[in-house]
Amino acid sequence: MPKVKMPRKSTNIDMTAMCDVAFLLLTFFMLATKFKPDEPVTVVTPSSINTTLLPDSDVLLFTVDKDGRVFFSMDGQPKRRKLIEDLNTQYKLGLGEKEIKNFVVGASVGTPIKDLKNYLSLSEEQRKAAGLDKGIPTDSANNELGAWIEYGVAAQGTNLSKVKYCIKADNQTPYPKIKEILDTFKKKHIQKLNLVTNLEEPPKGTAAWEEAQAGKHK
């Protein structure tokens, strides 16, 4: 009985449709992506040999410029929305959806709470022109920094064990201002803080330097 010879089929796969889909997705993300807005203040942080990286999530970040102005930021749009809505309710700020959205998708905030509605209704350039980037008050007479810490923590929900409290201060920030901030955290019973610094080379001959050298030769 003769054998049946099966016809061979081509193994080539037409990738045209897949390439079209890939380029369409690439074009969509290029046009739809909104980049993170620029921070309202630039700081030059001191250097250290600490190699611990700043986490991408669950961070309450307090930026302090060389003039001692304090700015607050946190990640996560749902958490930012809860924070600003709680502040709006507590302080009766009268924020509309536009101001709330500007906070949710915006960068750091640094202004007294009483000016928050006006602050969030303006663009970054308009805020600077109006002099609203005064920083969050930290003095004993009007320490609003404590409120930002409290409501920032409340916005984290039940995930408090993962929250990192970070201070990013300029190299020229007056120490009394840093002490005010540290005292505020202490009053809130927050003892573990992270200082954001630039990475520098460990001094030669130290244990950190030897460890770094050993890592390079692996």
C-alpha atoms as a PDB file:
ATOM      1  CA  MET A   1       0.000   0.000   0.000  1.00  0.00           C
ATOM      2  CA  PRO A   2       1.598   3.307  -1.023  1.00  0.00           C
ATOM      3  CA  LYS A   3       2.371   5.886   1.674  1.00  0.00           C
ATOM      4  CA  VAL A   4       0.397   9.105   1.712  1.00  0.00           C
ATOM      5  CA  LYS A   5       2.702  12.060   1.334  1.00  0.00           C
ATOM      6  CA  MET A   6       1.552  14.985   3.441  1.00  0.00           C
ATOM      7  CA  PRO A   7       2.000  18.401   1.830  1.00  0.00           C
ATOM      8  CA  ARG A   8       4.518  20.628   3.542  1.00  0.00           C
ATOM      9  CA  LYS A   9       3.267  23.955   4.780  1.00  0.00           C
ATOM     10  CA  SER A  10       5.313  27.110   5.101  1.00  0.00           C
ATOM     11  CA  THR A  11       6.446  27.990   8.643  1.00  0.00           C
ATOM     12  CA  ASN A  12       6.748  31.685   7.841  1.00  0.00           C
ATOM     13  CA  ILE A  13       4.487  33.905   9.958  1.00  0.00           C
ATOM     14  CA  ASP A  14       3.201  37.167   8.583  1.00  0.00           C
ATOM     15  CA  MET A  15       4.259  39.792  11.179  1.00  0.00           C
ATOM     16  CA  THR A  16       2.713  42.747   9.340  1.00  0.00           C
ATOM     17  CA  ALA A  17      -0.387  42.916  11.525  1.00  0.00           C
ATOM     18  CA  MET A  18       1.646  42.612  14.750  1.00  0.00           C
ATOM     19  CA  CYS A  19       4.006  45.419  13.675  1.00  0.00           C
ATOM     20  CA  ASP A  20       1.026  47.631  12.896  1.00  0.00           C
ATOM     21  CA  VAL A  21      -0.424  46.998  16.360  1.00  0.00           C
ATOM     22  CA  ALA A  22       2.941  47.708  18.022  1.00  0.00           C
ATOM     23  CA  PHE A  23       3.313  51.050  16.236  1.00  0.00           C
ATOM     24  CA  LEU A  24      -0.272  51.998  17.027  1.00  0.00           C
ATOM     25  CA  LEU A  25       0.309  51.286  20.735  1.00  0.00           C
ATOM     26  CA  LEU A  26       3.589  53.216  20.669  1.00  0.00           C
ATOM     27  CA  THR A  27       1.892  56.210  19.042  1.00  0.00           C
ATOM     28  CA  PHE A  28      -0.967  56.073  21.548  1.00  0.00           C
ATOM     29  CA  PHE A  29       1.331  56.118  24.583  1.00  0.00           C
ATOM     30  CA  MET A  30       3.483  58.900  23.099  1.00  0.00           C
ATOM     31  CA  LEU A  31       0.432  61.104  22.582  1.00  0.00           C
ATOM     32  CA  ALA A  32      -1.503  60.165  25.725  1.00  0.00           C
ATOM     33  CA  THR A  33       1.272  60.062  28.317  1.00  0.00           C
ATOM     34  CA  LYS A  34       1.453  63.057  30.630  1.00  0.00           C
ATOM     35  CA  PHE A  35       4.870  63.611  32.138  1.00  0.00           C
ATOM     36  CA  LYS A  36       5.302  64.415  35.812  1.00  0.00           C
ATOM     37  CA  PRO A  37       5.265  68.195  36.335  1.00  0.00           C
ATOM     38  CA  ASP A  38       8.442  69.975  37.353  1.00  0.00           C
ATOM     39  CA  GLU A  39       9.034  70.583  41.045  1.00  0.00           C
ATOM     40  CA  PRO A  40       8.458  74.213  42.106  1.00  0.00           C
ATOM     41  CA  VAL A  41      11.845  74.391  43.825  1.00  0.00           C
ATOM     42  CA  THR A  42      15.319  73.020  43.100  1.00  0.00           C
ATOM     43  CA  VAL A  43      17.621  71.927  45.906  1.00  0.00           C
ATOM     44  CA  VAL A  44      21.268  70.886  46.027  1.00  0.00           C
ATOM     45  CA  THR A  45      21.437  68.058  48.538  1.00  0.00           C
ATOM     46  CA  PRO A  46      24.541  67.243  50.615  1.00  0.00           C
ATOM     47  CA  SER A  47      26.620  64.177  49.776  1.00  0.00           C
ATOM     48  CA  SER A  48      26.976  60.907  51.668  1.00  0.00           C
ATOM     49  CA  ILE A  49      28.206  57.365  51.055  1.00  0.00           C
ATOM     50  CA  ASN A  50      24.825  55.810  51.847  1.00  0.00           C
ATOM     51  CA  THR A  51      23.748  53.591  48.940  1.00  0.00           C
ATOM     52  CA  THR A  52      20.108  53.113  49.998  1.00  0.00           C
ATOM     53  CA  LEU A  53      17.831  54.166  47.138  1.00  0.00           C
ATOM     54  CA  LEU A  54      14.719  56.302  47.601  1.00  0.00           C
ATOM     55  CA  PRO A  55      11.674  54.042  47.025  1.00  0.00           C
ATOM     56  CA  ASP A  56       9.224  54.806  44.222  1.00  0.00           C
ATOM     57  CA  SER A  57       6.074  54.389  46.314  1.00  0.00           C
ATOM     58  CA  ASP A  58       4.705  54.868  49.834  1.00  0.00           C
ATOM     59  CA  VAL A  59       6.810  57.994  50.368  1.00  0.00           C
ATOM     60  CA  LEU A  60       5.981  61.247  52.148  1.00  0.00           C
ATOM     61  CA  LEU A  61       8.591  63.676  50.834  1.00  0.00           C
ATOM     62  CA  PHE A  62       9.361  67.044  52.446  1.00  0.00           C
ATOM     63  CA  THR A  63      11.611  69.272  50.332  1.00  0.00           C
ATOM     64  CA  VAL A  64      13.361  72.233  51.983  1.00  0.00           C
ATOM     65  CA  ASP A  65      15.132  74.867  49.880  1.00  0.00           C
ATOM     66  CA  LYS A  66      18.075  77.028  50.959  1.00  0.00           C
ATOM     67  CA  ASP A  67      15.692  79.756  52.158  1.00  0.00           C
ATOM     68  CA  GLY A  68      13.926  77.324  54.489  1.00  0.00           C
ATOM     69  CA  ARG A  69      10.717  76.979  52.472  1.00  0.00           C
ATOM     70  CA  VAL A  70       9.080  73.573  52.972  1.00  0.00           C
ATOM     71  CA  PHE A  71       7.203  71.712  50.213  1.00  0.00           C
ATOM     72  CA  PHE A  72       5.172  68.521  50.570  1.00  0.00           C
ATOM     73  CA  SER A  73       4.694  65.698  48.079  1.00  0.00           C
ATOM     74  CA  MET A  74       3.468  62.111  48.079  1.00  0.00           C
ATOM     75  CA  ASP A  75       2.909  59.403  45.467  1.00  0.00           C
ATOM     76  CA  GLY A  76      -0.320  57.744  44.360  1.00  0.00           C
ATOM     77  CA  GLN A  77      -3.180  59.730  42.832  1.00  0.00           C
ATOM     78  CA  PRO A  78      -5.930  57.993  44.873  1.00  0.00           C
ATOM     79  CA  LYS A  79      -4.029  58.776  48.081  1.00  0.00           C
ATOM     80  CA  ARG A  80      -3.425  62.378  46.989  1.00  0.00           C
ATOM     81  CA  ARG A  81      -7.147  62.757  46.296  1.00  0.00           C
ATOM     82  CA  LYS A  82      -8.065  61.475  49.758  1.00  0.00           C
ATOM     83  CA  LEU A  83      -5.574  63.852  51.369  1.00  0.00           C
ATOM     84  CA  ILE A  84      -6.805  66.975  49.587  1.00  0.00           C
ATOM     85  CA  GLU A  85     -10.462  66.056  50.117  1.00  0.00           C
ATOM     86  CA  ASP A  86      -9.834  65.579  53.838  1.00  0.00           C
ATOM     87  CA  LEU A  87      -8.064  68.951  54.046  1.00  0.00           C
ATOM     88  CA  ASN A  88     -10.890  70.556  52.074  1.00  0.00           C
ATOM     89  CA  THR A  89     -13.477  69.197  54.510  1.00  0.00           C
ATOM     90  CA  GLN A  90     -11.530  69.953  57.684  1.00  0.00           C
ATOM     91  CA  TYR A  91     -10.494  73.515  56.798  1.00  0.00           C
ATOM     92  CA  LYS A  92     -13.572  74.371  54.678  1.00  0.00           C
ATOM     93  CA  LEU A  93     -11.407  75.484  51.757  1.00  0.00           C
ATOM     94  CA  GLY A  94     -14.204  75.383  49.179  1.00  0.00           C
ATOM     95  CA  LEU A  95     -12.088  73.571  46.602  1.00  0.00           C
ATOM     96  CA  GLY A  96     -13.734  72.681  43.316  1.00  0.00           C
ATOM     97  CA  GLU A  97     -13.031  69.634  41.181  1.00  0.00           C
ATOM     98  CA  LYS A  98     -10.515  71.612  39.120  1.00  0.00           C
ATOM     99  CA  GLU A  99      -8.413  72.563  42.174  1.00  0.00           C
ATOM    100  CA  ILE A 100      -8.634  69.014  43.538  1.00  0.00           C
ATOM    101  CA  LYS A 101      -7.505  67.551  40.220  1.00  0.00           C
ATOM    102  CA  ASN A 102      -4.612  70.029  40.028  1.00  0.00           C
ATOM    103  CA  PHE A 103      -3.395  68.742  43.375  1.00  0.00           C
ATOM    104  CA  VAL A 104      -3.914  65.084  42.447  1.00  0.00           C
ATOM    105  CA  VAL A 105      -1.834  65.288  39.255  1.00  0.00           C
ATOM    106  CA  GLY A 106       0.510  68.070  40.408  1.00  0.00           C
ATOM    107  CA  ALA A 107       3.934  68.242  41.973  1.00  0.00           C
ATOM    108  CA  SER A 108       4.989  69.408  45.442  1.00  0.00           C
ATOM    109  CA  VAL A 109       2.867  71.929  47.326  1.00  0.00           C
ATOM    110  CA  GLY A 110       4.330  74.683  49.477  1.00  0.00           C
ATOM    111  CA  THR A 111       1.900  77.309  50.719  1.00  0.00           C
ATOM    112  CA  PRO A 112      -0.171  78.086  53.845  1.00  0.00           C
ATOM    113  CA  ILE A 113      -3.432  76.142  53.955  1.00  0.00           C
ATOM    114  CA  LYS A 114      -5.476  79.356  53.821  1.00  0.00           C
ATOM    115  CA  ASP A 115      -3.965  80.102  50.383  1.00  0.00           C
ATOM    116  CA  LEU A 116      -4.415  76.577  49.058  1.00  0.00           C
ATOM    117  CA  LYS A 117      -7.509  77.276  46.935  1.00  0.00           C
ATOM    118  CA  ASN A 118      -5.864  80.201  45.165  1.00  0.00           C
ATOM    119  CA  TYR A 119      -2.595  78.254  44.895  1.00  0.00           C
ATOM    120  CA  LEU A 120      -4.212  75.268  43.174  1.00  0.00           C
ATOM    121  CA  SER A 121      -6.201  77.429  40.762  1.00  0.00           C
ATOM    122  CA  LEU A 122      -3.038  78.928  39.232  1.00  0.00           C
ATOM    123  CA  SER A 123      -0.283  77.601  36.995  1.00  0.00           C
ATOM    124  CA  GLU A 124       3.276  77.213  38.278  1.00  0.00           C
ATOM    125  CA  GLU A 125       4.363  80.484  36.634  1.00  0.00           C
ATOM    126  CA  GLN A 126       1.370  82.360  38.065  1.00  0.00           C
ATOM    127  CA  ARG A 127       2.084  81.028  41.568  1.00  0.00           C
ATOM    128  CA  LYS A 128       5.641  82.320  41.426  1.00  0.00           C
ATOM    129  CA  ALA A 129       4.497  85.691  40.097  1.00  0.00           C
ATOM    130  CA  ALA A 130       1.895  85.966  42.883  1.00  0.00           C
ATOM    131  CA  GLY A 131       4.423  84.970  45.544  1.00  0.00           C
ATOM    132  CA  LEU A 132       2.347  82.007  46.721  1.00  0.00           C
ATOM    133  CA  ASP A 133       5.309  79.612  46.947  1.00  0.00           C
ATOM    134  CA  LYS A 134       5.910  80.717  50.539  1.00  0.00           C
ATOM    135  CA  GLY A 135       6.397  77.200  51.870  1.00  0.00           C
ATOM    136  CA  ILE A 136       4.420  75.339  54.518  1.00  0.00           C
ATOM    137  CA  PRO A 137       4.572  77.166  57.897  1.00  0.00           C
ATOM    138  CA  THR A 138       6.655  75.295  60.487  1.00  0.00           C
ATOM    139  CA  ASP A 139       7.005  77.843  63.293  1.00  0.00           C
ATOM    140  CA  SER A 140       5.542  77.208  66.721  1.00  0.00           C
ATOM    141  CA  ALA A 141       2.821  79.832  66.272  1.00  0.00           C
ATOM    142  CA  ASN A 142       1.440  78.236  63.089  1.00  0.00           C
ATOM    143  CA  ASN A 143       2.952  74.805  62.485  1.00  0.00           C
ATOM    144  CA  GLU A 144       0.920  73.520  59.543  1.00  0.00           C
ATOM    145  CA  LEU A 145       3.583  70.937  58.741  1.00  0.00           C
ATOM    146  CA  GLY A 146       2.064  68.744  61.436  1.00  0.00           C
ATOM    147  CA  ALA A 147      -1.280  68.810  59.600  1.00  0.00           C
ATOM    148  CA  TRP A 148       0.328  67.731  56.313  1.00  0.00           C
ATOM    149  CA  ILE A 149       2.066  64.854  58.098  1.00  0.00           C
ATOM    150  CA  GLU A 150      -1.147  63.812  59.848  1.00  0.00           C
ATOM    151  CA  TYR A 151      -3.337  63.885  56.739  1.00  0.00           C
ATOM    152  CA  GLY A 152      -0.595  62.352  54.593  1.00  0.00           C
ATOM    153  CA  VAL A 153      -0.394  59.414  56.995  1.00  0.00           C
ATOM    154  CA  ALA A 154      -4.206  59.084  57.087  1.00  0.00           C
ATOM    155  CA  ALA A 155      -4.283  58.914  53.266  1.00  0.00           C
ATOM    156  CA  GLN A 156      -2.042  55.829  53.335  1.00  0.00           C
ATOM    157  CA  GLY A 157      -4.859  53.671  54.693  1.00  0.00           C
ATOM    158  CA  THR A 158      -3.686  50.524  56.466  1.00  0.00           C
ATOM    159  CA  ASN A 159      -0.307  50.403  54.720  1.00  0.00           C
ATOM    160  CA  LEU A 160       1.489  52.424  57.403  1.00  0.00           C
ATOM    161  CA  SER A 161       4.318  49.952  57.972  1.00  0.00           C
ATOM    162  CA  LYS A 162       5.674  50.602  54.461  1.00  0.00           C
ATOM    163  CA  VAL A 163       5.517  54.405  54.597  1.00  0.00           C
ATOM    164  CA  LYS A 164       8.877  56.185  54.304  1.00  0.00           C
ATOM    165  CA  TYR A 165       9.274  59.720  55.671  1.00  0.00           C
ATOM    166  CA  CYS A 166      11.929  61.523  53.625  1.00  0.00           C
ATOM    167  CA  ILE A 167      13.479  64.968  54.047  1.00  0.00           C
ATOM    168  CA  LYS A 168      15.219  66.430  51.007  1.00  0.00           C
ATOM    169  CA  ALA A 169      16.974  69.565  52.220  1.00  0.00           C
ATOM    170  CA  ASP A 170      19.329  71.907  50.403  1.00  0.00           C
ATOM    171  CA  ASN A 171      22.970  71.910  51.456  1.00  0.00           C
ATOM    172  CA  GLN A 172      22.563  75.562  52.553  1.00  0.00           C
ATOM    173  CA  THR A 173      19.324  75.172  54.495  1.00  0.00           C
ATOM    174  CA  PRO A 174      19.692  76.808  57.955  1.00  0.00           C
ATOM    175  CA  TYR A 175      19.889  74.165  60.673  1.00  0.00           C
ATOM    176  CA  PRO A 176      17.160  75.822  62.868  1.00  0.00           C
ATOM    177  CA  LYS A 177      14.691  75.124  60.040  1.00  0.00           C
ATOM    178  CA  ILE A 178      15.706  71.448  59.923  1.00  0.00           C
ATOM    179  CA  LYS A 179      15.363  71.283  63.712  1.00  0.00           C
ATOM    180  CA  GLU A 180      11.813  72.669  63.478  1.00  0.00           C
ATOM    181  CA  ILE A 181      10.930  69.912  61.014  1.00  0.00           C
ATOM    182  CA  LEU A 182      12.536  67.185  63.133  1.00  0.00           C
ATOM    183  CA  ASP A 183      10.752  68.457  66.250  1.00  0.00           C
ATOM    184  CA  THR A 184       7.433  68.302  64.384  1.00  0.00           C
ATOM    185  CA  PHE A 185       8.019  64.663  63.450  1.00  0.00           C
ATOM    186  CA  LYS A 186       8.984  63.934  67.045  1.00  0.00           C
ATOM    187  CA  LYS A 187       5.705  65.392  68.296  1.00  0.00           C
ATOM    188  CA  LYS A 188       3.903  63.073  65.877  1.00  0.00           C
ATOM    189  CA  HIS A 189       5.833  60.144  67.400  1.00  0.00           C
ATOM    190  CA  ILE A 190       7.680  59.488  64.132  1.00  0.00           C
ATOM    191  CA  GLN A 191      11.265  58.613  64.964  1.00  0.00           C
ATOM    192  CA  LYS A 192      12.531  56.973  61.774  1.00  0.00           C
ATOM    193  CA  LEU A 193      13.325  59.466  59.005  1.00  0.00           C
ATOM    194  CA  ASN A 194      15.289  59.288  55.769  1.00  0.00           C
ATOM    195  CA  LEU A 195      17.529  62.144  54.605  1.00  0.00           C
ATOM    196  CA  VAL A 196      17.901  62.384  50.815  1.00  0.00           C
ATOM    197  CA  THR A 197      21.533  62.941  49.747  1.00  0.00           C
ATOM    198  CA  ASN A 198      23.818  62.649  46.739  1.00  0.00           C
ATOM    199  CA  LEU A 199      26.039  59.591  46.480  1.00  0.00           C
ATOM    200  CA  GLU A 200      29.774  60.142  46.897  1.00  0.00           C
ATOM    201  CA  GLU A 201      32.824  57.867  46.795  1.00  0.00           C
ATOM    202  CA  PRO A 202      33.642  56.270  50.191  1.00  0.00           C
ATOM    203  CA  PRO A 203      37.001  57.390  51.674  1.00  0.00           C
ATOM    204  CA  LYS A 204      39.834  55.080  50.718  1.00  0.00           C
ATOM    205  CA  GLY A 205      40.800  52.548  53.341  1.00  0.00           C
ATOM    206  CA  THR A 206      37.404  52.493  55.046  1.00  0.00           C
ATOM    207  CA  ALA A 207      35.218  49.402  55.308  1.00  0.00           C
ATOM    208  CA  ALA A 208      32.704  50.957  52.915  1.00  0.00           C
ATOM    209  CA  TRP A 209      35.452  51.593  50.333  1.00  0.00           C
ATOM    210  CA  GLU A 210      36.751  48.008  50.612  1.00  0.00           C
ATOM    211  CA  GLU A 211      33.231  46.669  50.226  1.00  0.00           C
ATOM    212  CA  ALA A 212      32.692  48.811  47.109  1.00  0.00           C
ATOM    213  CA  GLN A 213      36.002  47.626  45.633  1.00  0.00           C
ATOM    214  CA  ALA A 214      35.088  44.002  46.279  1.00  0.00           C
ATOM    215  CA  GLY A 215      31.804  44.547  44.478  1.00  0.00           C
ATOM    216  CA  LYS A 216      33.584  45.969  41.409  1.00  0.00           C
ATOM    217  CA  HIS A 217      35.837  42.918  41.079  1.00  0.00           C
ATOM    218  CA  LYS A 218      33.021  40.385  41.219  1.00  0.00           C
END
